[in-house]
Amino acid sequence: MKKSKVLDKRKEIGIIIANARKAKGISQTKLALLVDMDRTTISKIETGSWSFGIDSLISISQALDIDVIRILPNTKNIQK
């Protein structure tokens, strides 16, 4: 996958996380505390400027009480 497409998907994931966080009424600071990260890391994840692993994705989904699959954008049209 081209780097630009990866960055686009990372931004999509960040937007989904930010929207879910806001819908729950949770600040970036509160989410950071819940998942044992720095607030600036949460900000970077939400803007798509930070690449993070599956463990962090799972922690964030649990803190937001949403299924991990809801955080992932539709990827059915992505070619390997």
Protein backbone atom coordinates (compact mmCIF):
# COMPACT_ATOMS: atom_id res chain seq x y z
CA MET A 1 0.00 0.00 0.00
CA LYS A 2 1.28 3.45 -0.83
CA LYS A 3 2.43 5.57 2.07
CA SER A 4 -0.16 8.25 1.29
CA LYS A 5 -2.97 5.68 1.61
CA VAL A 6 -1.55 4.48 4.92
CA LEU A 7 -1.49 8.05 6.21
CA ASP A 8 -5.06 8.60 5.00
CA LYS A 9 -6.23 5.49 6.86
CA ARG A 10 -4.33 6.57 9.98
CA LYS A 11 -6.11 9.94 9.82
CA GLU A 12 -9.47 8.19 9.42
CA ILE A 13 -8.78 6.05 12.49
CA GLY A 14 -7.80 9.18 14.42
CA ILE A 15 -11.02 10.94 13.47
CA ILE A 16 -13.07 7.92 14.52
CA ILE A 17 -11.29 7.81 17.89
CA ALA A 18 -11.72 11.57 18.41
CA ASN A 19 -15.42 11.41 17.55
CA ALA A 20 -15.98 8.44 19.86
CA ARG A 21 -14.10 10.18 22.67
CA LYS A 22 -16.12 13.38 22.25
CA ALA A 23 -19.40 11.42 22.09
CA LYS A 24 -18.52 9.92 25.49
CA GLY A 25 -17.71 13.38 26.87
CA ILE A 26 -14.13 12.37 27.63
CA SER A 27 -11.22 14.79 27.30
CA GLN A 28 -7.93 13.81 25.72
CA THR A 29 -6.37 14.09 29.16
CA LYS A 30 -8.92 11.70 30.68
CA LEU A 31 -8.51 9.20 27.84
CA ALA A 32 -4.74 9.40 28.21
CA LEU A 33 -5.06 8.55 31.90
CA LEU A 34 -7.39 5.65 31.16
CA VAL A 35 -4.98 4.10 28.65
CA ASP A 36 -1.72 5.07 30.37
CA MET A 37 -0.50 7.38 27.62
CA ASP A 38 0.50 10.99 27.46
CA ARG A 39 -2.17 13.48 26.34
CA THR A 40 0.05 14.58 23.47
CA THR A 41 0.17 10.98 22.23
CA ILE A 42 -3.63 10.87 22.17
CA SER A 43 -3.62 14.13 20.23
CA LYS A 44 -1.14 12.72 17.71
CA ILE A 45 -3.22 9.55 17.32
CA GLU A 46 -6.36 11.60 16.73
CA THR A 47 -4.67 13.73 14.07
CA GLY A 48 -3.10 10.74 12.36
CA SER A 49 0.44 11.92 12.97
CA TRP A 50 1.34 9.00 15.24
CA SER A 51 1.54 5.34 14.31
CA PHE A 52 0.46 3.09 17.15
CA GLY A 53 0.12 -0.62 17.75
CA ILE A 54 -2.71 -3.04 18.28
CA ASP A 55 -2.28 -3.04 22.06
CA SER A 56 -2.90 0.70 22.14
CA LEU A 57 -5.86 0.32 19.79
CA ILE A 58 -7.38 -2.29 22.09
CA SER A 59 -6.77 -0.13 25.18
CA ILE A 60 -8.38 2.88 23.53
CA SER A 61 -11.40 0.88 22.36
CA GLN A 62 -11.89 -0.53 25.85
CA ALA A 63 -11.57 2.90 27.45
CA LEU A 64 -14.17 4.26 25.02
CA ASP A 65 -16.33 1.14 25.50
CA ILE A 66 -16.53 0.42 21.77
CA ASP A 67 -15.60 -2.63 19.73
CA VAL A 68 -12.19 -2.38 18.05
CA ILE A 69 -13.80 -3.08 14.67
CA ARG A 70 -15.77 0.20 14.96
CA ILE A 71 -12.48 2.11 15.07
CA LEU A 72 -11.18 0.61 11.84
CA PRO A 73 -12.31 2.30 8.64
CA ASN A 74 -13.73 0.29 5.77
CA THR A 75 -10.76 -1.41 4.13
CA LYS A 76 -12.47 -3.74 1.66
CA ASN A 77 -11.20 -1.78 -1.39
CA ILE A 78 -7.56 -1.72 -0.32
CA GLN A 79 -5.27 -3.85 -2.42
CA LYS A 80 -2.27 -5.60 -0.96
